[in-house]
Amino acid sequence: MGSEKIETVELGTGGPRVGVQGLGCMGMSFAYGPTDADEARATLDRALELGVTLFDTADMYGMGENEKFIAPFIRAHRDEVVLATKFAISTDPDDPAKRVIRNDRAYIRQAVEGSLRRLGVDEIDLYYMHRREVNVPLEESVGAMAELVAEGKVKYLGLSEVTGSELRAAQAVHPITALQSEWSLFSRDIEDGVVQAAAELGVGLVPYSPLGRGFLTGAFVHADKELTADDFRRQQPRFTGDNAAANAALLEPVRAIAEAHGATPGQIALAWLQQQATARGLAVVPIPGTRKRTRVEENTAATRIRLTEQDLAQLEPIAGQVTGARYADMSHTAAGRE
């Protein structure tokens, strides 16, 4: 498994050419409990060997620690990889546990300099606005991001968790290469307008949490009982209490289809998402996160699975039956503003 390189695709009209699956690096130093640093570094190398070229981080992952962690790998392979990072989420200095969304021009300029310094690069390939602060005009935020392109600090612009109308407004200011939002068999709210807008505008889709934060693989059921105290999935409504048990029962058709294909449930979830590219008419480059070489081999192999119409029909109803929200507070998601 995993001996073949994955195919490539242009990420958005005029965007960079990348492997059809990327790698989410957040968990290597943030949010999912203890990490084996040596294995995580080996995972970065293995991903590149398999044709993964889009590597995704953010300045808020571990308060900059994730950018520092992947920096040596990025610099060692600078001409082979597409580096994506994000700004917008900071902490309240008076209350470190409280997150603050910042989209203003001064903050954006401060954030990019911090990311460039931690990553040790002169230019960021794909720079995302991580979350939208509605009290700051989108034109101001995207305008400030466009200045970074003109100055050679950023190549391409991206947005995360914006609505279809917000994406169109941003595109009117400067070309947007990619939109990063949660999209999976369990989370399909972006199909109500956002995906259509991206397809019309030639914007690539970069789904995060394509494996439902590991839930779709069957790795856990009750986050509050099975995961470590520092794992942020314990705070997500769909993974705790009665919701967790009800949602776990929805995985039965995923397991059955996996068995029929000689695959894992996670591979079926990724194959479903990869096939949305053809169905929806746009580039779709999921970024499943992992810290293990075996998992990145499993995930990339999913790009070679083709689901049948019958498979797709069986998977179609799942998202509509999921109980519990993606986040306890949905106000900074596209769904929270639609």
Protein backbone atom coordinates (compact mmCIF):
# COMPACT_ATOMS: atom_id res chain seq x y z
CA MET A 1 0.00 0.00 0.00
CA GLY A 2 1.13 3.57 -0.69
CA SER A 3 3.99 2.72 -3.10
CA GLU A 4 2.59 4.86 -5.93
CA LYS A 5 2.73 8.61 -6.17
CA ILE A 6 -0.58 10.43 -6.18
CA GLU A 7 -1.74 12.47 -9.15
CA THR A 8 -1.53 16.25 -9.32
CA VAL A 9 -4.04 19.03 -9.93
CA GLU A 10 -4.02 22.78 -10.40
CA LEU A 11 -5.28 24.29 -7.15
CA GLY A 12 -7.63 26.95 -8.46
CA THR A 13 -7.43 28.82 -11.74
CA GLY A 14 -3.84 29.94 -12.15
CA GLY A 15 -2.89 28.39 -8.82
CA PRO A 16 0.01 26.07 -7.96
CA ARG A 17 0.07 22.47 -9.13
CA VAL A 18 -0.13 20.17 -6.10
CA GLY A 19 -0.75 16.54 -5.23
CA VAL A 20 -4.48 15.75 -5.16
CA GLN A 21 -4.16 15.21 -1.41
CA GLY A 22 -2.26 17.44 1.01
CA LEU A 23 -1.16 17.00 4.60
CA GLY A 24 -2.57 18.81 7.62
CA CYS A 25 0.30 19.34 10.04
CA MET A 26 -1.59 20.78 13.03
CA GLY A 27 -1.64 17.59 15.09
CA MET A 28 2.14 17.27 14.99
CA SER A 29 2.41 19.86 17.74
CA PHE A 30 -1.09 20.94 18.72
CA ALA A 31 -4.60 19.84 19.72
CA TYR A 32 -4.41 16.03 19.58
CA GLY A 33 -2.32 15.11 22.60
CA PRO A 34 1.29 13.87 22.83
CA THR A 35 3.36 13.53 19.65
CA ASP A 36 6.37 11.39 18.73
CA ALA A 37 8.41 14.13 17.08
CA ASP A 38 10.73 11.76 15.22
CA GLU A 39 7.81 9.85 13.72
CA ALA A 40 6.10 13.11 12.78
CA ARG A 41 9.22 14.26 10.92
CA ALA A 42 9.43 10.91 9.16
CA THR A 43 5.79 11.35 8.18
CA LEU A 44 6.57 14.64 6.45
CA ASP A 45 9.30 12.93 4.44
CA ARG A 46 7.10 9.96 3.55
CA ALA A 47 4.26 12.21 2.44
CA LEU A 48 6.56 13.98 0.00
CA GLU A 49 7.80 10.64 -1.35
CA LEU A 50 4.18 9.72 -2.07
CA GLY A 51 3.52 12.90 -4.04
CA VAL A 52 1.97 15.04 -1.30
CA THR A 53 3.19 18.58 -1.92
CA LEU A 54 0.68 20.84 -0.10
CA PHE A 55 1.67 21.13 3.57
CA ASP A 56 -0.73 23.04 5.80
CA THR A 57 -0.09 24.83 9.09
CA ALA A 58 -1.18 28.03 10.87
CA ASP A 59 0.34 30.57 13.22
CA MET A 60 -2.11 29.65 16.00
CA TYR A 61 -1.26 25.94 16.06
CA GLY A 62 0.69 25.72 19.28
CA MET A 63 1.16 29.51 19.24
CA GLY A 64 3.66 29.30 16.38
CA GLU A 65 5.23 26.01 17.46
CA ASN A 66 3.78 24.08 14.51
CA GLU A 67 5.31 26.49 12.01
CA LYS A 68 8.67 26.09 13.78
CA PHE A 69 8.31 22.30 13.78
CA ILE A 70 7.80 21.93 10.04
CA ALA A 71 10.23 24.73 9.11
CA PRO A 72 13.35 22.54 8.66
CA PHE A 73 11.43 20.18 6.36
CA ILE A 74 10.01 23.07 4.33
CA ARG A 75 13.41 24.70 3.90
CA ALA A 76 15.05 21.39 2.92
CA HIS A 77 12.48 20.87 0.16
CA ARG A 78 11.59 24.47 -0.67
CA ASP A 79 11.30 23.96 -4.43
CA GLU A 80 9.24 20.77 -4.10
CA VAL A 81 6.53 21.82 -1.66
CA VAL A 82 3.66 24.30 -1.49
CA LEU A 83 3.62 25.88 1.95
CA ALA A 84 0.27 27.01 3.33
CA THR A 85 -0.17 28.87 6.59
CA LYS A 86 -2.85 31.10 8.12
CA PHE A 87 -3.48 34.16 10.24
CA ALA A 88 -6.47 35.61 12.13
CA ILE A 89 -6.74 33.72 15.41
CA SER A 90 -4.85 35.19 18.34
CA THR A 91 -5.16 35.00 22.10
CA ASP A 92 -6.37 37.63 24.54
CA PRO A 93 -3.27 38.77 26.51
CA ASP A 94 -5.45 39.13 29.62
CA ASP A 95 -6.93 35.65 29.18
CA PRO A 96 -4.70 33.21 27.23
CA ALA A 97 -7.54 30.67 27.05
CA LYS A 98 -9.70 33.14 25.11
CA ARG A 99 -9.35 33.34 21.33
CA VAL A 100 -9.64 36.61 19.46
CA ILE A 101 -10.27 36.97 15.71
CA ARG A 102 -8.23 39.70 14.03
CA ASN A 103 -8.59 40.68 10.35
CA ASP A 104 -7.39 44.29 10.47
CA ARG A 105 -4.58 45.52 8.25
CA ALA A 106 -2.08 46.17 11.05
CA TYR A 107 -2.55 42.68 12.49
CA ILE A 108 -2.19 41.01 9.09
CA ARG A 109 1.16 42.70 8.49
CA GLN A 110 2.33 41.73 11.96
CA ALA A 111 1.16 38.14 11.49
CA VAL A 112 2.86 37.54 8.15
CA GLU A 113 6.20 38.76 9.47
CA GLY A 114 5.89 36.38 12.42
CA SER A 115 5.12 33.42 10.16
CA LEU A 116 7.96 34.22 7.75
CA ARG A 117 10.37 34.40 10.68
CA ARG A 118 9.25 31.14 12.30
CA LEU A 119 9.22 29.27 9.00
CA GLY A 120 12.54 30.71 7.92
CA VAL A 121 11.37 31.49 4.38
CA ASP A 122 11.18 34.64 2.27
CA GLU A 123 7.78 33.91 0.80
CA ILE A 124 4.65 31.96 1.81
CA ASP A 125 3.10 30.06 -1.09
CA LEU A 126 -0.53 30.12 0.10
CA TYR A 127 -1.64 32.51 2.85
CA TYR A 128 -5.09 32.02 4.32
CA MET A 129 -7.32 34.22 6.42
CA HIS A 130 -8.15 31.58 9.02
CA ARG A 131 -11.45 33.05 10.22
CA ARG A 132 -13.57 36.06 9.33
CA GLU A 133 -14.16 38.94 11.73
CA VAL A 134 -17.40 40.44 10.43
CA ASN A 135 -16.74 43.87 11.96
CA VAL A 136 -13.75 44.38 9.66
CA PRO A 137 -14.69 45.05 6.02
CA LEU A 138 -13.63 42.12 3.84
CA GLU A 139 -12.23 44.62 1.34
CA GLU A 140 -9.80 45.88 3.98
CA SER A 141 -8.60 42.40 4.91
CA VAL A 142 -8.20 41.08 1.37
CA GLY A 143 -6.72 44.39 0.30
CA ALA A 144 -4.04 44.04 2.96
CA MET A 145 -3.39 40.46 1.85
CA ALA A 146 -3.09 41.64 -1.76
CA GLU A 147 -0.37 44.08 -0.66
CA LEU A 148 1.63 41.11 0.62
CA VAL A 149 1.45 39.54 -2.83
CA ALA A 150 2.65 42.77 -4.44
CA GLU A 151 5.54 42.89 -1.97
CA GLY A 152 6.61 39.30 -2.73
CA LYS A 153 5.88 37.98 0.76
CA VAL A 154 2.99 35.78 -0.41
CA LYS A 155 2.30 34.06 -3.75
CA TYR A 156 -1.38 33.06 -3.51
CA LEU A 157 -4.29 34.04 -1.28
CA GLY A 158 -6.76 31.79 0.48
CA LEU A 159 -9.74 32.09 2.79
CA SER A 160 -11.16 29.71 5.36
CA GLU A 161 -14.74 29.24 6.55
CA VAL A 162 -16.29 32.02 4.47
CA THR A 163 -19.71 32.04 2.85
CA GLY A 164 -20.34 32.00 -0.89
CA SER A 165 -21.16 35.70 -0.92
CA GLU A 166 -18.02 36.51 1.11
CA LEU A 167 -15.93 34.52 -1.33
CA ARG A 168 -17.37 36.49 -4.25
CA ALA A 169 -16.72 39.80 -2.47
CA ALA A 170 -13.11 38.79 -1.79
CA GLN A 171 -12.56 37.67 -5.38
CA ALA A 172 -13.61 41.14 -6.54
CA VAL A 173 -10.64 42.58 -4.61
CA HIS A 174 -7.94 40.03 -5.52
CA PRO A 175 -7.93 36.53 -7.04
CA ILE A 176 -8.52 33.88 -4.38
CA THR A 177 -6.72 30.62 -5.12
CA ALA A 178 -8.15 28.33 -2.45
CA LEU A 179 -10.94 28.05 0.07
CA GLN A 180 -10.34 25.90 3.14
CA SER A 181 -13.43 24.68 4.97
CA GLU A 182 -14.54 21.56 6.81
CA TRP A 183 -16.00 19.03 4.38
CA SER A 184 -16.53 15.33 4.90
CA LEU A 185 -19.18 12.61 4.97
CA PHE A 186 -20.20 14.08 8.35
CA SER A 187 -19.94 17.79 7.47
CA ARG A 188 -21.54 18.95 4.25
CA ASP A 189 -22.95 22.40 5.02
CA ILE A 190 -20.60 24.07 2.49
CA GLU A 191 -22.53 22.35 -0.30
CA ASP A 192 -25.32 24.88 0.25
CA GLY A 193 -23.74 27.72 -1.73
CA VAL A 194 -20.03 27.79 -0.89
CA VAL A 195 -18.98 24.94 -3.19
CA GLN A 196 -21.03 26.40 -6.04
CA ALA A 197 -19.41 29.81 -5.62
CA ALA A 198 -15.94 28.26 -5.59
CA ALA A 199 -16.68 26.30 -8.77
CA GLU A 200 -18.01 29.40 -10.55
CA LEU A 201 -15.00 31.50 -9.54
CA GLY A 202 -12.35 28.86 -10.26
CA VAL A 203 -11.33 28.62 -6.60
CA GLY A 204 -9.85 25.33 -5.37
CA LEU A 205 -11.42 23.61 -2.35
CA VAL A 206 -9.14 22.40 0.44
CA PRO A 207 -11.29 20.39 2.87
CA TYR A 208 -9.96 20.20 6.40
CA SER A 209 -10.98 17.41 8.81
CA PRO A 210 -11.93 15.17 5.85
CA LEU A 211 -11.88 12.21 8.25
CA GLY A 212 -14.15 13.92 10.77
CA ARG A 213 -11.15 14.48 13.07
CA GLY A 214 -10.54 10.74 13.08
CA PHE A 215 -14.12 9.77 13.94
CA LEU A 216 -14.82 8.47 10.43
CA THR A 217 -11.93 6.02 10.74
CA GLY A 218 -13.48 4.42 13.83
CA ALA A 219 -10.42 5.40 15.88
CA PHE A 220 -12.63 6.54 18.76
CA VAL A 221 -16.29 6.93 19.69
CA HIS A 222 -16.56 8.81 22.99
CA ALA A 223 -14.00 11.62 22.99
CA ASP A 224 -14.57 12.44 26.65
CA LYS A 225 -13.87 8.86 27.69
CA GLU A 226 -11.22 7.71 25.22
CA LEU A 227 -9.04 10.73 24.43
CA THR A 228 -6.44 12.50 26.57
CA ALA A 229 -7.43 15.54 28.61
CA ASP A 230 -5.56 17.91 26.26
CA ASP A 231 -7.32 16.63 23.11
CA PHE A 232 -9.62 19.37 21.84
CA ARG A 233 -12.10 16.87 20.36
CA ARG A 234 -13.41 16.47 23.90
CA GLN A 235 -14.94 19.93 23.44
CA GLN A 236 -16.80 19.16 20.22
CA PRO A 237 -20.49 18.31 20.66
CA ARG A 238 -20.73 15.55 18.06
CA PHE A 239 -18.03 13.47 19.74
CA THR A 240 -19.38 13.42 23.29
CA GLY A 241 -22.35 12.07 25.22
CA ASP A 242 -25.36 10.67 23.40
CA ASN A 243 -24.26 12.36 20.16
CA ALA A 244 -21.11 10.23 19.96
CA ALA A 245 -22.96 6.91 20.22
CA ALA A 246 -25.63 7.99 17.70
CA ASN A 247 -23.02 9.19 15.23
CA ALA A 248 -20.90 6.05 15.56
CA ALA A 249 -23.91 4.01 14.43
CA LEU A 250 -23.94 5.99 11.17
CA LEU A 251 -20.60 4.47 10.15
CA GLU A 252 -22.05 1.04 9.38
CA PRO A 253 -22.45 1.65 5.60
CA VAL A 254 -18.94 3.13 5.50
CA ARG A 255 -17.55 -0.05 7.03
CA ALA A 256 -19.56 -2.25 4.67
CA ILE A 257 -18.35 -0.37 1.58
CA ALA A 258 -14.79 -0.48 2.90
CA GLU A 259 -14.97 -4.24 3.23
CA ALA A 260 -16.30 -4.58 -0.32
CA HIS A 261 -13.37 -2.54 -1.66
CA GLY A 262 -10.74 -4.18 0.53
CA ALA A 263 -10.17 -0.76 2.07
CA THR A 264 -10.46 0.98 5.43
CA PRO A 265 -13.39 3.23 6.48
CA GLY A 266 -11.05 6.22 6.38
CA GLN A 267 -10.10 5.47 2.80
CA ILE A 268 -13.75 5.34 1.79
CA ALA A 269 -14.37 8.72 3.43
CA LEU A 270 -11.43 10.22 1.53
CA ALA A 271 -12.38 8.54 -1.76
CA TRP A 272 -15.88 10.03 -1.45
CA LEU A 273 -14.41 13.48 -0.99
CA GLN A 274 -11.87 13.13 -3.81
CA GLN A 275 -14.69 12.14 -6.18
CA GLN A 276 -16.55 15.36 -5.36
CA ALA A 277 -14.05 17.14 -7.62
CA THR A 278 -15.59 15.58 -10.71
CA ALA A 279 -19.13 15.79 -9.38
CA ARG A 280 -18.84 19.48 -8.45
CA GLY A 281 -16.52 20.72 -11.20
CA LEU A 282 -13.61 22.08 -9.19
CA ALA A 283 -10.26 21.07 -7.71
CA VAL A 284 -10.64 19.31 -4.34
CA VAL A 285 -7.46 18.74 -2.32
CA PRO A 286 -8.25 17.33 1.14
CA ILE A 287 -5.66 17.77 3.89
CA PRO A 288 -6.09 14.84 6.28
CA GLY A 289 -3.84 15.31 9.27
CA THR A 290 -1.63 12.55 10.60
CA ARG A 291 1.57 12.05 12.55
CA LYS A 292 2.28 8.51 11.33
CA ARG A 293 3.84 7.21 8.12
CA THR A 294 1.43 4.26 7.95
CA ARG A 295 -1.52 6.64 8.00
CA VAL A 296 -0.21 8.88 5.23
CA GLU A 297 0.34 5.74 3.14
CA GLU A 298 -3.23 4.65 3.84
CA ASN A 299 -4.63 8.11 3.10
CA THR A 300 -2.83 8.64 -0.20
CA ALA A 301 -3.84 5.15 -1.39
CA ALA A 302 -7.46 6.32 -1.08
CA THR A 303 -6.93 8.55 -4.13
CA ARG A 304 -6.92 5.38 -6.26
CA ILE A 305 -10.27 4.05 -4.99
CA ARG A 306 -13.31 4.65 -7.21
CA LEU A 307 -16.68 4.39 -5.53
CA THR A 308 -19.68 3.09 -7.49
CA GLU A 309 -22.98 4.87 -7.90
CA GLN A 310 -24.45 2.39 -5.43
CA ASP A 311 -21.70 3.21 -2.92
CA LEU A 312 -22.37 6.91 -3.29
CA ALA A 313 -26.11 6.39 -2.82
CA GLN A 314 -25.48 4.53 0.43
CA LEU A 315 -23.22 7.31 1.73
CA GLU A 316 -25.47 10.19 0.69
CA PRO A 317 -27.83 10.27 3.73
CA ILE A 318 -25.18 10.13 6.43
CA ALA A 319 -24.46 13.83 6.95
CA GLY A 320 -28.13 14.66 7.35
CA GLN A 321 -28.37 12.26 10.29
CA VAL A 322 -25.36 13.52 12.25
CA THR A 323 -26.22 14.95 15.67
CA GLY A 324 -24.24 17.72 17.33
CA ALA A 325 -22.54 20.78 15.85
CA ARG A 326 -19.02 20.86 14.41
CA TYR A 327 -17.98 23.33 17.12
CA ALA A 328 -19.55 24.37 20.41
CA ASP A 329 -19.53 27.92 18.99
CA MET A 330 -20.33 28.04 15.28
CA SER A 331 -20.31 31.85 15.00
CA HIS A 332 -16.97 31.97 13.18
CA THR A 333 -17.87 29.35 10.58
CA ALA A 334 -19.51 29.90 7.21
CA ALA A 335 -22.55 27.91 8.37
CA GLY A 336 -22.90 30.24 11.35
CA ARG A 337 -23.25 33.23 9.02
CA GLU A 338 -25.30 31.81 6.16
